[in-house]
Amino acid sequence: MKPSEIRDLKTEEIQTKLADAREELMNLRFQQVNGQLTDTSRLRAIRRDIARYLTLLGERAAETEGVA
């Protein structure tokens, strides 16, 4: 997802997507360890998505606190 698409989502939706992405990353890691993972670029993409979600959630938290 692009950052602009993520910004349009509600905070609860972002948190749900974050949980889903973390679960997918865990599953991909298990597949990698077992030698079943064929598309290793997906690991990098998921990690970046998680970072995007966390960054945006942090920005929103800072806005509500009045820091930003």
N, C-alpha and C. Protein backbone atom coordinates (compact mmCIF):
# COMPACT_ATOMS: atom_id res chain seq x y z
N MET A 1 0.83 -1.18 0.00
CA MET A 1 0.00 0.00 0.00
C MET A 1 0.87 1.24 0.00
N LYS A 2 0.38 2.25 -0.66
CA LYS A 2 1.09 3.52 -0.67
C LYS A 2 0.75 4.29 0.60
N PRO A 3 1.67 5.13 1.06
CA PRO A 3 1.40 5.91 2.27
C PRO A 3 0.14 6.77 2.15
N SER A 4 -0.14 7.29 0.97
CA SER A 4 -1.34 8.12 0.82
C SER A 4 -2.60 7.29 1.01
N GLU A 5 -2.57 6.02 0.59
CA GLU A 5 -3.72 5.14 0.80
C GLU A 5 -3.88 4.80 2.27
N ILE A 6 -2.78 4.64 2.97
CA ILE A 6 -2.84 4.31 4.39
C ILE A 6 -3.37 5.49 5.19
N ARG A 7 -3.00 6.70 4.81
CA ARG A 7 -3.47 7.88 5.52
C ARG A 7 -4.98 8.05 5.45
N ASP A 8 -5.59 7.51 4.42
CA ASP A 8 -7.04 7.62 4.27
C ASP A 8 -7.80 6.66 5.18
N LEU A 9 -7.10 5.69 5.76
CA LEU A 9 -7.73 4.70 6.62
C LEU A 9 -7.92 5.24 8.04
N LYS A 10 -8.89 4.66 8.74
CA LYS A 10 -9.10 5.00 10.14
C LYS A 10 -8.03 4.30 10.97
N THR A 11 -7.80 4.80 12.17
CA THR A 11 -6.77 4.25 13.05
C THR A 11 -7.03 2.77 13.34
N GLU A 12 -8.28 2.42 13.57
CA GLU A 12 -8.61 1.02 13.87
C GLU A 12 -8.29 0.12 12.68
N GLU A 13 -8.54 0.61 11.48
CA GLU A 13 -8.24 -0.18 10.29
C GLU A 13 -6.74 -0.38 10.13
N ILE A 14 -5.97 0.65 10.44
CA ILE A 14 -4.51 0.55 10.36
C ILE A 14 -4.01 -0.47 11.38
N GLN A 15 -4.56 -0.45 12.57
CA GLN A 15 -4.14 -1.40 13.59
C GLN A 15 -4.48 -2.83 13.18
N THR A 16 -5.61 -3.00 12.53
CA THR A 16 -5.99 -4.33 12.04
C THR A 16 -5.03 -4.79 10.96
N LYS A 17 -4.70 -3.89 10.03
CA LYS A 17 -3.77 -4.24 8.95
C LYS A 17 -2.38 -4.53 9.52
N LEU A 18 -1.99 -3.81 10.56
CA LEU A 18 -0.70 -4.05 11.21
C LEU A 18 -0.66 -5.45 11.81
N ALA A 19 -1.72 -5.83 12.50
CA ALA A 19 -1.77 -7.18 13.09
C ALA A 19 -1.73 -8.25 12.01
N ASP A 20 -2.45 -8.02 10.92
CA ASP A 20 -2.44 -8.99 9.81
C ASP A 20 -1.05 -9.09 9.18
N ALA A 21 -0.39 -7.96 9.02
CA ALA A 21 0.94 -7.95 8.41
C ALA A 21 1.95 -8.67 9.30
N ARG A 22 1.84 -8.47 10.60
CA ARG A 22 2.75 -9.16 11.52
C ARG A 22 2.54 -10.67 11.48
N GLU A 23 1.28 -11.07 11.38
CA GLU A 23 0.99 -12.50 11.29
C GLU A 23 1.52 -13.08 9.98
N GLU A 24 1.35 -12.33 8.89
CA GLU A 24 1.87 -12.80 7.60
C GLU A 24 3.39 -12.90 7.62
N LEU A 25 4.05 -11.94 8.26
CA LEU A 25 5.50 -11.99 8.36
C LEU A 25 5.95 -13.22 9.14
N MET A 26 5.24 -13.53 10.21
CA MET A 26 5.58 -14.72 10.99
C MET A 26 5.43 -15.98 10.13
N ASN A 27 4.34 -16.05 9.38
CA ASN A 27 4.12 -17.22 8.52
C ASN A 27 5.20 -17.32 7.43
N LEU A 28 5.58 -16.19 6.87
CA LEU A 28 6.62 -16.20 5.84
C LEU A 28 7.96 -16.65 6.41
N ARG A 29 8.24 -16.25 7.64
CA ARG A 29 9.49 -16.67 8.29
C ARG A 29 9.51 -18.18 8.52
N PHE A 30 8.36 -18.72 8.92
CA PHE A 30 8.28 -20.18 9.10
C PHE A 30 8.50 -20.88 7.77
N GLN A 31 7.90 -20.36 6.71
CA GLN A 31 8.08 -20.96 5.40
C GLN A 31 9.54 -20.90 4.97
N GLN A 32 10.21 -19.80 5.28
CA GLN A 32 11.61 -19.65 4.90
C GLN A 32 12.48 -20.67 5.63
N VAL A 33 12.22 -20.85 6.91
CA VAL A 33 13.00 -21.79 7.69
C VAL A 33 12.80 -23.22 7.18
N ASN A 34 11.57 -23.52 6.76
CA ASN A 34 11.26 -24.86 6.27
C ASN A 34 11.65 -25.06 4.81
N GLY A 35 12.11 -24.02 4.16
CA GLY A 35 12.52 -24.13 2.77
C GLY A 35 11.37 -24.11 1.79
N GLN A 36 10.21 -23.64 2.21
CA GLN A 36 9.03 -23.61 1.35
C GLN A 36 8.80 -22.26 0.70
N LEU A 37 9.52 -21.24 1.13
CA LEU A 37 9.31 -19.89 0.63
C LEU A 37 10.01 -19.71 -0.71
N THR A 38 9.24 -19.34 -1.73
CA THR A 38 9.82 -19.14 -3.06
C THR A 38 10.02 -17.66 -3.38
N ASP A 39 9.15 -16.80 -2.84
CA ASP A 39 9.24 -15.36 -3.13
C ASP A 39 9.78 -14.63 -1.90
N THR A 40 11.10 -14.55 -1.81
CA THR A 40 11.72 -13.93 -0.63
C THR A 40 11.56 -12.42 -0.60
N SER A 41 11.22 -11.81 -1.72
CA SER A 41 11.02 -10.36 -1.74
C SER A 41 9.78 -9.97 -0.93
N ARG A 42 8.89 -10.90 -0.71
CA ARG A 42 7.68 -10.62 0.07
C ARG A 42 8.03 -10.29 1.51
N LEU A 43 9.09 -10.89 2.05
CA LEU A 43 9.53 -10.59 3.41
C LEU A 43 9.86 -9.11 3.55
N ARG A 44 10.61 -8.60 2.62
CA ARG A 44 11.02 -7.20 2.65
C ARG A 44 9.80 -6.28 2.51
N ALA A 45 8.89 -6.63 1.63
CA ALA A 45 7.70 -5.81 1.41
C ALA A 45 6.83 -5.74 2.67
N ILE A 46 6.68 -6.87 3.33
CA ILE A 46 5.86 -6.91 4.56
C ILE A 46 6.52 -6.09 5.66
N ARG A 47 7.84 -6.22 5.80
CA ARG A 47 8.53 -5.43 6.82
C ARG A 47 8.36 -3.94 6.57
N ARG A 48 8.41 -3.54 5.34
CA ARG A 48 8.23 -2.13 5.00
C ARG A 48 6.80 -1.66 5.26
N ASP A 49 5.84 -2.53 4.96
CA ASP A 49 4.45 -2.18 5.26
C ASP A 49 4.25 -1.99 6.76
N ILE A 50 4.83 -2.88 7.55
CA ILE A 50 4.73 -2.77 9.00
C ILE A 50 5.34 -1.44 9.46
N ALA A 51 6.46 -1.07 8.90
CA ALA A 51 7.10 0.20 9.26
C ALA A 51 6.21 1.38 8.89
N ARG A 52 5.57 1.29 7.73
CA ARG A 52 4.66 2.37 7.32
C ARG A 52 3.49 2.51 8.30
N TYR A 53 2.90 1.37 8.68
CA TYR A 53 1.79 1.40 9.62
C TYR A 53 2.21 2.00 10.96
N LEU A 54 3.36 1.56 11.45
CA LEU A 54 3.83 2.05 12.74
C LEU A 54 4.16 3.54 12.70
N THR A 55 4.74 3.98 11.59
CA THR A 55 5.07 5.39 11.44
C THR A 55 3.81 6.24 11.47
N LEU A 56 2.82 5.83 10.71
CA LEU A 56 1.59 6.60 10.65
C LEU A 56 0.86 6.60 11.99
N LEU A 57 0.85 5.45 12.67
CA LEU A 57 0.23 5.41 13.99
C LEU A 57 0.96 6.32 14.97
N GLY A 58 2.28 6.38 14.86
CA GLY A 58 3.06 7.28 15.71
C GLY A 58 2.76 8.73 15.42
N GLU A 59 2.60 9.06 14.15
CA GLU A 59 2.26 10.43 13.78
C GLU A 59 0.91 10.82 14.35
N ARG A 60 -0.04 9.92 14.25
CA ARG A 60 -1.39 10.21 14.77
C ARG A 60 -1.37 10.35 16.28
N ALA A 61 -0.59 9.54 16.95
CA ALA A 61 -0.48 9.64 18.40
C ALA A 61 0.13 10.98 18.80
N ALA A 62 1.13 11.42 18.05
CA ALA A 62 1.77 12.70 18.35
C ALA A 62 0.80 13.87 18.11
N GLU A 63 -0.03 13.74 17.08
CA GLU A 63 -1.01 14.79 16.81
C GLU A 63 -2.03 14.91 17.93
N THR A 64 -2.47 13.77 18.45
CA THR A 64 -3.48 13.82 19.52
C THR A 64 -2.89 14.36 20.82
N GLU A 65 -1.59 14.18 21.01
CA GLU A 65 -0.95 14.70 22.19
C GLU A 65 -0.58 16.17 22.04
N GLY A 66 -0.63 16.67 20.81
CA GLY A 66 -0.29 18.06 20.58
C GLY A 66 1.19 18.31 20.42
N VAL A 67 1.98 17.26 20.23
CA VAL A 67 3.42 17.40 20.09
C VAL A 67 3.77 17.91 18.71
N ALA A 68 3.09 17.40 17.69
CA ALA A 68 3.41 17.75 16.32
C ALA A 68 2.86 19.04 16.02
